[in-house]
């Protein structure tokens, strides 16, 4: 699908959890295909690459309800990260990517990370107030990366249920299925959660996060670090990004599931003033292709240890 998805019904107080309240066929189409999975016909390697924040299909009603211009609204987007890593499908690994934007629904948050103050009526299910929610960066964000408020007014309470049901949950159901299929086939599954970050103050090209060793075998982050530095990237571990909800949720080494978050500096490939690919995009993508090839090819030795450590 090209262009923006169009508006919800004019009645902003409608129960958006019901399809009867959604009159726009383009929004229906986006909800019918909230994600893409490439290379997922059958697992040939135990790796799954995920891009939860590279979605760039912005519902028109969402843009109209925002006080921000289009470029500012995209500041939270991990622009083109799905394209940076799309070569993994040629190597036998599936790539799952959200089509919906992070500012609309953040798939790297817990479903209960909702801010009741954003809505015009009480919500059915709200989890404990996390620091992310307090900062405006819950599963339905209040602000974009620069701290700018997204919305002009409070949202209808039904919109929370609608977005979670038709965008958030299908993404995680699909990712969980890929993980279980890989684990069933290989005895182990490895989720590489792909993101981009603003150029950090210390100038690292890539930050790896495994929740300080809780989400993956140490060999995974060690081998990843070694390969990336060998390709000329400057690499940090777990600071300032130790891993988000996806890494915490799927990283269960004792159960044979490992998760590693990979943050790529936007300075390597993106013109943030325009949110367009920079001259460095092609080179960055090519280097990441070599990285992925080496990671998959050289994983055999430590994966044997990981399989033996996981209970049957």
C-alpha atoms as a PDB file:
ATOM      1  CA  UNK A   1       0.000   0.000   0.000  1.00  0.00           C
ATOM      2  CA  UNK A   2       1.237   3.491  -0.793  1.00  0.00           C
ATOM      3  CA  UNK A   3       0.366   6.840   0.759  1.00  0.00           C
ATOM      4  CA  UNK A   4      -1.254   7.472   4.114  1.00  0.00           C
ATOM      5  CA  UNK A   5      -4.071   5.468   5.571  1.00  0.00           C
ATOM      6  CA  UNK A   6      -7.159   7.666   5.810  1.00  0.00           C
ATOM      7  CA  UNK A   7      -9.326   8.879   8.663  1.00  0.00           C
ATOM      8  CA  UNK A   8     -11.385   7.178  11.299  1.00  0.00           C
ATOM      9  CA  UNK A   9     -15.046   8.083  11.456  1.00  0.00           C
ATOM     10  CA  UNK A  10     -15.840  11.695  12.267  1.00  0.00           C
ATOM     11  CA  UNK A  11     -17.203  10.668  15.634  1.00  0.00           C
ATOM     12  CA  UNK A  12     -14.069  10.650  17.742  1.00  0.00           C
ATOM     13  CA  UNK A  13     -16.036   9.342  20.741  1.00  0.00           C
ATOM     14  CA  UNK A  14     -17.027   6.113  18.975  1.00  0.00           C
ATOM     15  CA  UNK A  15     -15.995   2.735  20.303  1.00  0.00           C
ATOM     16  CA  UNK A  16     -12.954   2.185  18.129  1.00  0.00           C
ATOM     17  CA  UNK A  17     -12.618  -1.378  19.324  1.00  0.00           C
ATOM     18  CA  UNK A  18     -15.428  -2.208  16.886  1.00  0.00           C
ATOM     19  CA  UNK A  19     -14.988  -2.398  13.126  1.00  0.00           C
ATOM     20  CA  UNK A  20     -18.388  -0.719  12.784  1.00  0.00           C
ATOM     21  CA  UNK A  21     -16.760   2.539  13.896  1.00  0.00           C
ATOM     22  CA  UNK A  22     -14.041   2.362  11.228  1.00  0.00           C
ATOM     23  CA  UNK A  23     -15.410   3.774   8.005  1.00  0.00           C
ATOM     24  CA  UNK A  24     -12.109   4.263   6.205  1.00  0.00           C
ATOM     25  CA  UNK A  25     -11.023   1.417   3.901  1.00  0.00           C
ATOM     26  CA  UNK A  26      -7.353   2.449   4.015  1.00  0.00           C
ATOM     27  CA  UNK A  27      -7.196   2.145   7.783  1.00  0.00           C
ATOM     28  CA  UNK A  28      -8.919  -1.202   7.455  1.00  0.00           C
ATOM     29  CA  UNK A  29      -6.253  -2.246   4.953  1.00  0.00           C
ATOM     30  CA  UNK A  30      -3.448  -1.188   7.299  1.00  0.00           C
ATOM     31  CA  UNK A  31      -5.029  -3.084  10.179  1.00  0.00           C
ATOM     32  CA  UNK A  32      -5.473  -6.101   7.910  1.00  0.00           C
ATOM     33  CA  UNK A  33      -1.732  -6.031   7.190  1.00  0.00           C
ATOM     34  CA  UNK A  34      -0.075  -4.400  10.224  1.00  0.00           C
ATOM     35  CA  UNK A  35       3.249  -6.143   9.644  1.00  0.00           C
ATOM     36  CA  UNK A  36       5.344  -7.862   7.043  1.00  0.00           C
ATOM     37  CA  UNK A  37       7.292 -11.103   7.333  1.00  0.00           C
ATOM     38  CA  UNK A  38       9.871 -11.731   4.671  1.00  0.00           C
ATOM     39  CA  UNK A  39      11.680 -15.036   4.378  1.00  0.00           C
ATOM     40  CA  UNK A  40       9.361 -16.739   6.858  1.00  0.00           C
ATOM     41  CA  UNK A  41       8.113 -19.691   4.785  1.00  0.00           C
ATOM     42  CA  UNK A  42      10.142 -22.159   6.821  1.00  0.00           C
ATOM     43  CA  UNK A  43      13.019 -21.690   9.264  1.00  0.00           C
ATOM     44  CA  UNK A  44      16.411 -22.617   7.814  1.00  0.00           C
ATOM     45  CA  UNK A  45      18.405 -20.912  10.594  1.00  0.00           C
ATOM     46  CA  UNK A  46      17.460 -20.287  14.252  1.00  0.00           C
ATOM     47  CA  UNK A  47      17.711 -16.495  13.882  1.00  0.00           C
ATOM     48  CA  UNK A  48      14.770 -14.089  13.658  1.00  0.00           C
ATOM     49  CA  UNK A  49      15.379 -10.429  12.842  1.00  0.00           C
ATOM     50  CA  UNK A  50      12.749  -7.927  14.012  1.00  0.00           C
ATOM     51  CA  UNK A  51      12.124  -4.250  13.273  1.00  0.00           C
ATOM     52  CA  UNK A  52       9.280  -2.921  15.448  1.00  0.00           C
ATOM     53  CA  UNK A  53       9.912   0.793  14.863  1.00  0.00           C
ATOM     54  CA  UNK A  54      10.480   1.202  11.115  1.00  0.00           C
ATOM     55  CA  UNK A  55       6.801   1.440  10.151  1.00  0.00           C
ATOM     56  CA  UNK A  56       6.065   4.449   7.964  1.00  0.00           C
ATOM     57  CA  UNK A  57       2.355   4.208   7.117  1.00  0.00           C
ATOM     58  CA  UNK A  58       0.760   7.057   9.075  1.00  0.00           C
ATOM     59  CA  UNK A  59      -3.044   7.033   9.387  1.00  0.00           C
ATOM     60  CA  UNK A  60      -4.365  10.355   8.152  1.00  0.00           C
ATOM     61  CA  UNK A  61      -6.586  10.758  11.195  1.00  0.00           C
ATOM     62  CA  UNK A  62      -3.531  10.298  13.400  1.00  0.00           C
ATOM     63  CA  UNK A  63      -1.630  12.996  11.524  1.00  0.00           C
ATOM     64  CA  UNK A  64      -4.655  15.300  11.691  1.00  0.00           C
ATOM     65  CA  UNK A  65      -5.037  14.783  15.431  1.00  0.00           C
ATOM     66  CA  UNK A  66      -1.382  15.701  15.967  1.00  0.00           C
ATOM     67  CA  UNK A  67      -0.017  19.151  16.618  1.00  0.00           C
ATOM     68  CA  UNK A  68       3.243  18.211  14.891  1.00  0.00           C
ATOM     69  CA  UNK A  69       4.414  18.609  11.310  1.00  0.00           C
ATOM     70  CA  UNK A  70       5.144  15.391   9.368  1.00  0.00           C
ATOM     71  CA  UNK A  71       8.915  15.469   9.909  1.00  0.00           C
ATOM     72  CA  UNK A  72       8.596  16.069  13.656  1.00  0.00           C
ATOM     73  CA  UNK A  73       6.040  13.270  13.896  1.00  0.00           C
ATOM     74  CA  UNK A  74       8.584  10.888  12.378  1.00  0.00           C
ATOM     75  CA  UNK A  75      11.357  11.696  14.883  1.00  0.00           C
ATOM     76  CA  UNK A  76      10.675   8.524  16.875  1.00  0.00           C
ATOM     77  CA  UNK A  77      10.733   6.327  13.781  1.00  0.00           C
ATOM     78  CA  UNK A  78      13.659   3.965  13.239  1.00  0.00           C
ATOM     79  CA  UNK A  79      13.562   4.997   9.612  1.00  0.00           C
ATOM     80  CA  UNK A  80      14.580   2.376   7.027  1.00  0.00           C
ATOM     81  CA  UNK A  81      15.966  -0.065   9.597  1.00  0.00           C
ATOM     82  CA  UNK A  82      13.963  -2.819   7.923  1.00  0.00           C
ATOM     83  CA  UNK A  83      15.845  -2.027   4.711  1.00  0.00           C
ATOM     84  CA  UNK A  84      19.223  -1.937   6.454  1.00  0.00           C
ATOM     85  CA  UNK A  85      18.701  -5.545   7.542  1.00  0.00           C
ATOM     86  CA  UNK A  86      16.629  -6.896   4.656  1.00  0.00           C
ATOM     87  CA  UNK A  87      19.509  -8.985   3.307  1.00  0.00           C
ATOM     88  CA  UNK A  88      19.016 -11.466   6.173  1.00  0.00           C
ATOM     89  CA  UNK A  89      16.199 -13.083   4.219  1.00  0.00           C
ATOM     90  CA  UNK A  90      18.745 -14.144   1.577  1.00  0.00           C
ATOM     91  CA  UNK A  91      20.663 -15.873   4.370  1.00  0.00           C
ATOM     92  CA  UNK A  92      17.677 -17.928   5.489  1.00  0.00           C
ATOM     93  CA  UNK A  93      16.482 -15.772   8.407  1.00  0.00           C
ATOM     94  CA  UNK A  94      12.998 -14.229   8.555  1.00  0.00           C
ATOM     95  CA  UNK A  95      12.605 -10.474   8.993  1.00  0.00           C
ATOM     96  CA  UNK A  96       9.456  -9.230  10.728  1.00  0.00           C
ATOM     97  CA  UNK A  97       8.691  -5.510  10.510  1.00  0.00           C
ATOM     98  CA  UNK A  98       5.822  -3.373  11.747  1.00  0.00           C
ATOM     99  CA  UNK A  99       4.101  -1.287   9.059  1.00  0.00           C
ATOM    100  CA  UNK A 100       2.465   1.042  11.592  1.00  0.00           C
ATOM    101  CA  UNK A 101       4.586   3.887  13.020  1.00  0.00           C
ATOM    102  CA  UNK A 102       6.080   3.868  16.476  1.00  0.00           C
ATOM    103  CA  UNK A 103       4.396   7.166  17.359  1.00  0.00           C
ATOM    104  CA  UNK A 104       1.021   5.478  16.730  1.00  0.00           C
ATOM    105  CA  UNK A 105       1.718   2.208  18.578  1.00  0.00           C
ATOM    106  CA  UNK A 106       5.040   1.226  20.122  1.00  0.00           C
ATOM    107  CA  UNK A 107       5.468  -2.531  19.753  1.00  0.00           C
ATOM    108  CA  UNK A 108       8.538  -2.410  22.012  1.00  0.00           C
ATOM    109  CA  UNK A 109       6.463  -1.711  25.115  1.00  0.00           C
ATOM    110  CA  UNK A 110       4.312  -3.824  27.405  1.00  0.00           C
ATOM    111  CA  UNK A 111       0.607  -3.687  26.471  1.00  0.00           C
ATOM    112  CA  UNK A 112      -0.296  -2.221  29.857  1.00  0.00           C
ATOM    113  CA  UNK A 113       2.113   0.714  29.533  1.00  0.00           C
ATOM    114  CA  UNK A 114      -0.726   3.178  28.989  1.00  0.00           C
ATOM    115  CA  UNK A 115      -1.156   6.705  30.315  1.00  0.00           C
ATOM    116  CA  UNK A 116      -4.789   7.141  31.450  1.00  0.00           C
ATOM    117  CA  UNK A 117      -4.401  10.934  31.351  1.00  0.00           C
ATOM    118  CA  UNK A 118      -4.167  10.756  27.545  1.00  0.00           C
ATOM    119  CA  UNK A 119      -7.746   9.466  27.198  1.00  0.00           C
ATOM    120  CA  UNK A 120     -11.205  10.946  27.674  1.00  0.00           C
ATOM    121  CA  UNK A 121     -12.552   8.080  29.809  1.00  0.00           C
ATOM    122  CA  UNK A 122     -11.186   5.316  32.061  1.00  0.00           C
ATOM    123  CA  UNK A 123      -9.296   2.478  30.371  1.00  0.00           C
ATOM    124  CA  UNK A 124     -10.104  -1.175  30.919  1.00  0.00           C
ATOM    125  CA  UNK A 125      -6.580  -2.437  31.552  1.00  0.00           C
ATOM    126  CA  UNK A 126      -3.638  -0.331  32.680  1.00  0.00           C
ATOM    127  CA  UNK A 127      -0.428  -1.715  34.113  1.00  0.00           C
ATOM    128  CA  UNK A 128       1.775  -0.152  36.794  1.00  0.00           C
ATOM    129  CA  UNK A 129       3.052   3.287  35.841  1.00  0.00           C
ATOM    130  CA  UNK A 130       6.514   2.747  34.411  1.00  0.00           C
ATOM    131  CA  UNK A 131       9.242   5.363  33.925  1.00  0.00           C
ATOM    132  CA  UNK A 132       8.592   5.108  30.181  1.00  0.00           C
ATOM    133  CA  UNK A 133       4.935   5.978  30.625  1.00  0.00           C
ATOM    134  CA  UNK A 134       5.860   8.854  32.940  1.00  0.00           C
ATOM    135  CA  UNK A 135       8.159  10.160  30.200  1.00  0.00           C
ATOM    136  CA  UNK A 136       5.356   9.973  27.643  1.00  0.00           C
ATOM    137  CA  UNK A 137       6.802   6.945  25.860  1.00  0.00           C
ATOM    138  CA  UNK A 138       4.267   4.223  26.581  1.00  0.00           C
ATOM    139  CA  UNK A 139       2.712   1.748  24.191  1.00  0.00           C
ATOM    140  CA  UNK A 140       0.634   4.629  22.825  1.00  0.00           C
ATOM    141  CA  UNK A 141       3.170   7.455  23.075  1.00  0.00           C
ATOM    142  CA  UNK A 142       2.280  10.933  24.236  1.00  0.00           C
ATOM    143  CA  UNK A 143       5.471  12.512  22.898  1.00  0.00           C
ATOM    144  CA  UNK A 144       7.977  11.913  20.111  1.00  0.00           C
ATOM    145  CA  UNK A 145      11.689  11.457  20.659  1.00  0.00           C
ATOM    146  CA  UNK A 146      12.433  15.153  21.190  1.00  0.00           C
ATOM    147  CA  UNK A 147       9.810  15.405  23.929  1.00  0.00           C
ATOM    148  CA  UNK A 148       7.280  17.196  21.740  1.00  0.00           C
ATOM    149  CA  UNK A 149       3.634  16.497  22.538  1.00  0.00           C
ATOM    150  CA  UNK A 150       1.911  14.537  19.779  1.00  0.00           C
ATOM    151  CA  UNK A 151      -1.776  15.242  20.286  1.00  0.00           C
ATOM    152  CA  UNK A 152      -3.971  18.339  20.267  1.00  0.00           C
ATOM    153  CA  UNK A 153      -6.527  16.817  22.668  1.00  0.00           C
ATOM    154  CA  UNK A 154      -7.313  13.686  24.636  1.00  0.00           C
ATOM    155  CA  UNK A 155      -7.984  10.504  22.710  1.00  0.00           C
ATOM    156  CA  UNK A 156     -11.190   8.457  22.887  1.00  0.00           C
ATOM    157  CA  UNK A 157     -10.701   5.671  25.395  1.00  0.00           C
ATOM    158  CA  UNK A 158     -11.762   3.070  22.817  1.00  0.00           C
ATOM    159  CA  UNK A 159      -8.809   3.944  20.646  1.00  0.00           C
ATOM    160  CA  UNK A 160      -6.409   2.279  23.084  1.00  0.00           C
ATOM    161  CA  UNK A 161      -8.175  -1.067  22.693  1.00  0.00           C
ATOM    162  CA  UNK A 162      -8.444  -0.595  18.931  1.00  0.00           C
ATOM    163  CA  UNK A 163      -4.734   0.053  18.423  1.00  0.00           C
ATOM    164  CA  UNK A 164      -3.648  -2.777  20.704  1.00  0.00           C
ATOM    165  CA  UNK A 165      -6.036  -5.273  19.131  1.00  0.00           C
ATOM    166  CA  UNK A 166      -5.347  -4.522  15.483  1.00  0.00           C
ATOM    167  CA  UNK A 167      -1.681  -3.503  15.505  1.00  0.00           C
ATOM    168  CA  UNK A 168       0.235  -4.404  18.673  1.00  0.00           C
ATOM    169  CA  UNK A 169      -1.081  -7.902  19.327  1.00  0.00           C
ATOM    170  CA  UNK A 170      -0.764  -9.188  15.737  1.00  0.00           C
ATOM    171  CA  UNK A 171       2.879  -8.105  15.691  1.00  0.00           C
ATOM    172  CA  UNK A 172       3.745  -9.976  18.879  1.00  0.00           C
ATOM    173  CA  UNK A 173       1.667 -13.008  17.926  1.00  0.00           C
ATOM    174  CA  UNK A 174       3.608 -13.268  14.662  1.00  0.00           C
ATOM    175  CA  UNK A 175       6.974 -12.782  16.363  1.00  0.00           C
ATOM    176  CA  UNK A 176       6.158 -15.346  19.040  1.00  0.00           C
ATOM    177  CA  UNK A 177       5.177 -17.823  16.327  1.00  0.00           C
ATOM    178  CA  UNK A 178       8.492 -17.327  14.517  1.00  0.00           C
ATOM    179  CA  UNK A 179      10.343 -17.880  17.784  1.00  0.00           C
ATOM    180  CA  UNK A 180       8.487 -21.084  18.596  1.00  0.00           C
ATOM    181  CA  UNK A 181       8.922 -22.452  15.083  1.00  0.00           C
ATOM    182  CA  UNK A 182      12.669 -21.822  15.234  1.00  0.00           C
ATOM    183  CA  UNK A 183      12.981 -23.377  18.672  1.00  0.00           C
ATOM    184  CA  UNK A 184      10.974 -26.425  17.589  1.00  0.00           C
ATOM    185  CA  UNK A 185      13.176 -26.880  14.517  1.00  0.00           C
ATOM    186  CA  UNK A 186      16.606 -26.125  15.981  1.00  0.00           C
ATOM    187  CA  UNK A 187      16.225 -26.460  19.752  1.00  0.00           C
ATOM    188  CA  UNK A 188      17.104 -22.787  20.119  1.00  0.00           C
ATOM    189  CA  UNK A 189      15.885 -19.419  18.781  1.00  0.00           C
ATOM    190  CA  UNK A 190      17.719 -16.098  18.562  1.00  0.00           C
ATOM    191  CA  UNK A 191      15.859 -12.795  18.201  1.00  0.00           C
ATOM    192  CA  UNK A 192      17.893  -9.887  16.837  1.00  0.00           C
ATOM    193  CA  UNK A 193      15.808  -6.791  17.596  1.00  0.00           C
ATOM    194  CA  UNK A 194      16.879  -4.057  15.184  1.00  0.00           C
ATOM    195  CA  UNK A 195      16.689  -0.331  15.948  1.00  0.00           C
ATOM    196  CA  UNK A 196      18.304   2.991  15.184  1.00  0.00           C
ATOM    197  CA  UNK A 197      19.385   5.704  17.592  1.00  0.00           C
ATOM    198  CA  UNK A 198      20.263   9.391  17.502  1.00  0.00           C
ATOM    199  CA  UNK A 199      24.024   9.918  17.250  1.00  0.00           C
ATOM    200  CA  UNK A 200      25.186   9.343  20.848  1.00  0.00           C
ATOM    201  CA  UNK A 201      27.456  11.773  22.642  1.00  0.00           C
ATOM    202  CA  UNK A 202      30.301   9.247  22.849  1.00  0.00           C
ATOM    203  CA  UNK A 203      30.112   8.604  19.136  1.00  0.00           C
ATOM    204  CA  UNK A 204      29.487   4.854  19.066  1.00  0.00           C
ATOM    205  CA  UNK A 205      28.163   3.500  15.788  1.00  0.00           C
ATOM    206  CA  UNK A 206      26.276   0.605  17.359  1.00  0.00           C
ATOM    207  CA  UNK A 207      25.010  -0.237  20.842  1.00  0.00           C
ATOM    208  CA  UNK A 208      24.267  -3.862  21.722  1.00  0.00           C
ATOM    209  CA  UNK A 209      21.840  -4.696  24.515  1.00  0.00           C
ATOM    210  CA  UNK A 210      21.235  -8.056  26.181  1.00  0.00           C
ATOM    211  CA  UNK A 211      19.774  -6.741  29.446  1.00  0.00           C
ATOM    212  CA  UNK A 212      23.214  -7.019  31.065  1.00  0.00           C
ATOM    213  CA  UNK A 213      23.485 -10.699  30.252  1.00  0.00           C
ATOM    214  CA  UNK A 214      19.963 -11.695  31.289  1.00  0.00           C
ATOM    215  CA  UNK A 215      18.492 -12.038  27.777  1.00  0.00           C
ATOM    216  CA  UNK A 216      21.115 -14.096  25.945  1.00  0.00           C
ATOM    217  CA  UNK A 217      24.114 -16.336  26.273  1.00  0.00           C
ATOM    218  CA  UNK A 218      27.272 -14.219  26.652  1.00  0.00           C
ATOM    219  CA  UNK A 219      28.663 -15.732  23.457  1.00  0.00           C
ATOM    220  CA  UNK A 220      25.953 -14.011  21.394  1.00  0.00           C
ATOM    221  CA  UNK A 221      26.845 -10.463  22.393  1.00  0.00           C
ATOM    222  CA  UNK A 222      30.544 -11.340  22.391  1.00  0.00           C
ATOM    223  CA  UNK A 223      30.473 -12.762  18.861  1.00  0.00           C
ATOM    224  CA  UNK A 224      28.292  -9.899  17.601  1.00  0.00           C
ATOM    225  CA  UNK A 225      30.659  -7.342  19.124  1.00  0.00           C
ATOM    226  CA  UNK A 226      33.684  -9.036  17.578  1.00  0.00           C
ATOM    227  CA  UNK A 227      32.185  -9.175  14.089  1.00  0.00           C
ATOM    228  CA  UNK A 228      31.004  -5.565  14.129  1.00  0.00           C
ATOM    229  CA  UNK A 229      34.289  -4.146  15.359  1.00  0.00           C
ATOM    230  CA  UNK A 230      36.059  -6.218  12.736  1.00  0.00           C
ATOM    231  CA  UNK A 231      33.963  -4.407  10.136  1.00  0.00           C
ATOM    232  CA  UNK A 232      35.060  -1.023  11.451  1.00  0.00           C
ATOM    233  CA  UNK A 233      32.070  -0.148  13.633  1.00  0.00           C
ATOM    234  CA  UNK A 234      32.629   1.341  17.084  1.00  0.00           C
ATOM    235  CA  UNK A 235      30.505  -0.691  19.490  1.00  0.00           C
ATOM    236  CA  UNK A 236      29.195  -0.250  23.047  1.00  0.00           C
ATOM    237  CA  UNK A 237      27.385  -2.756  25.238  1.00  0.00           C
ATOM    238  CA  UNK A 238      24.224  -2.118  27.271  1.00  0.00           C
ATOM    239  CA  UNK A 239      24.739   1.633  27.569  1.00  0.00           C
ATOM    240  CA  UNK A 240      22.798   3.698  26.960  1.00  0.00           C
ATOM    241  CA  UNK A 241      20.468   0.990  25.584  1.00  0.00           C
ATOM    242  CA  UNK A 242      20.373  -2.314  27.466  1.00  0.00           C
ATOM    243  CA  UNK A 243      17.335  -3.708  25.672  1.00  0.00           C
ATOM    244  CA  UNK A 244      13.630  -2.891  25.594  1.00  0.00           C
ATOM    245  CA  UNK A 245      10.440  -4.841  26.129  1.00  0.00           C
ATOM    246  CA  UNK A 246      11.102  -7.227  23.235  1.00  0.00           C
ATOM    247  CA  UNK A 247      14.516  -8.183  24.582  1.00  0.00           C
ATOM    248  CA  UNK A 248      13.096  -8.721  28.080  1.00  0.00           C
ATOM    249  CA  UNK A 249      10.075 -10.656  26.853  1.00  0.00           C
ATOM    250  CA  UNK A 250      11.758 -13.050  24.445  1.00  0.00           C
ATOM    251  CA  UNK A 251      15.186 -13.335  26.033  1.00  0.00           C
ATOM    252  CA  UNK A 252      14.879 -16.589  28.005  1.00  0.00           C
ATOM    253  CA  UNK A 253      18.237 -18.358  27.613  1.00  0.00           C
ATOM    254  CA  UNK A 254      17.351 -21.162  30.027  1.00  0.00           C
ATOM    255  CA  UNK A 255      14.399 -21.969  27.758  1.00  0.00           C
ATOM    256  CA  UNK A 256      16.514 -21.870  24.613  1.00  0.00           C
ATOM    257  CA  UNK A 257      15.477 -18.392  23.461  1.00  0.00           C
ATOM    258  CA  UNK A 258      18.076 -15.626  23.218  1.00  0.00           C
ATOM    259  CA  UNK A 259      17.440 -11.961  22.398  1.00  0.00           C
ATOM    260  CA  UNK A 260      19.824  -9.167  21.485  1.00  0.00           C
ATOM    261  CA  UNK A 261      18.962  -5.551  20.735  1.00  0.00           C
ATOM    262  CA  UNK A 262      21.034  -3.819  18.042  1.00  0.00           C
ATOM    263  CA  UNK A 263      20.947  -0.009  17.850  1.00  0.00           C
ATOM    264  CA  UNK A 264      22.506   1.566  14.746  1.00  0.00           C
ATOM    265  CA  UNK A 265      23.463   5.241  14.813  1.00  0.00           C
ATOM    266  CA  UNK A 266      21.386   7.278  12.382  1.00  0.00           C
ATOM    267  CA  UNK A 267      24.498   9.306  11.603  1.00  0.00           C
ATOM    268  CA  UNK A 268      25.656   6.335   9.516  1.00  0.00           C
ATOM    269  CA  UNK A 269      22.750   6.279   7.087  1.00  0.00           C
ATOM    270  CA  UNK A 270      20.055   8.927   7.682  1.00  0.00           C
ATOM    271  CA  UNK A 271      19.528  12.624   6.974  1.00  0.00           C
ATOM    272  CA  UNK A 272      17.435  13.374  10.068  1.00  0.00           C
ATOM    273  CA  UNK A 273      16.529  16.884   8.942  1.00  0.00           C
ATOM    274  CA  UNK A 274      14.566  15.338   6.068  1.00  0.00           C
ATOM    275  CA  UNK A 275      14.108  11.799   7.390  1.00  0.00           C
ATOM    276  CA  UNK A 276      15.616  10.526   4.160  1.00  0.00           C
ATOM    277  CA  UNK A 277      18.426   8.113   3.373  1.00  0.00           C
ATOM    278  CA  UNK A 278      21.818   9.807   3.377  1.00  0.00           C
ATOM    279  CA  UNK A 279      24.769   9.080   1.119  1.00  0.00           C
ATOM    280  CA  UNK A 280      26.003   6.593   3.730  1.00  0.00           C
ATOM    281  CA  UNK A 281      22.956   4.325   3.504  1.00  0.00           C
ATOM    282  CA  UNK A 282      24.285   1.982   0.816  1.00  0.00           C
ATOM    283  CA  UNK A 283      27.614   1.470   2.586  1.00  0.00           C
ATOM    284  CA  UNK A 284      25.989   0.920   5.982  1.00  0.00           C
ATOM    285  CA  UNK A 285      23.557  -1.601   4.541  1.00  0.00           C
ATOM    286  CA  UNK A 286      26.360  -3.469   2.786  1.00  0.00           C
ATOM    287  CA  UNK A 287      28.423  -3.688   5.986  1.00  0.00           C
ATOM    288  CA  UNK A 288      25.414  -4.957   7.935  1.00  0.00           C
ATOM    289  CA  UNK A 289      24.870  -7.608   5.286  1.00  0.00           C
ATOM    290  CA  UNK A 290      28.428  -8.846   5.849  1.00  0.00           C
ATOM    291  CA  UNK A 291      27.816  -8.735   9.600  1.00  0.00           C
ATOM    292  CA  UNK A 292      24.656 -10.826   9.328  1.00  0.00           C
ATOM    293  CA  UNK A 293      26.365 -13.351   7.096  1.00  0.00           C
ATOM    294  CA  UNK A 294      29.245 -13.789   9.519  1.00  0.00           C
ATOM    295  CA  UNK A 295      26.937 -13.966  12.547  1.00  0.00           C
ATOM    296  CA  UNK A 296      24.846 -16.739  11.047  1.00  0.00           C
ATOM    297  CA  UNK A 297      27.826 -18.615   9.644  1.00  0.00           C
ATOM    298  CA  UNK A 298      29.898 -18.510  12.834  1.00  0.00           C
ATOM    299  CA  UNK A 299      27.154 -19.241  15.363  1.00  0.00           C
ATOM    300  CA  UNK A 300      27.473 -23.020  15.290  1.00  0.00           C
ATOM    301  CA  UNK A 301      29.920 -23.542  18.142  1.00  0.00           C
ATOM    302  CA  UNK A 302      28.155 -21.539  20.822  1.00  0.00           C
ATOM    303  CA  UNK A 303      24.697 -22.619  19.655  1.00  0.00           C
ATOM    304  CA  UNK A 304      25.640 -26.216  20.479  1.00  0.00           C
ATOM    305  CA  UNK A 305      26.374 -25.097  24.043  1.00  0.00           C
ATOM    306  CA  UNK A 306      23.106 -23.133  24.170  1.00  0.00           C
ATOM    307  CA  UNK A 307      21.084 -26.179  23.065  1.00  0.00           C
ATOM    308  CA  UNK A 308      22.675 -28.381  25.717  1.00  0.00           C
ATOM    309  CA  UNK A 309      21.999 -25.746  28.396  1.00  0.00           C
ATOM    310  CA  UNK A 310      18.306 -25.444  27.495  1.00  0.00           C
ATOM    311  CA  UNK A 311      15.918 -28.009  29.052  1.00  0.00           C
ATOM    312  CA  UNK A 312      14.172 -30.401  26.679  1.00  0.00           C
END
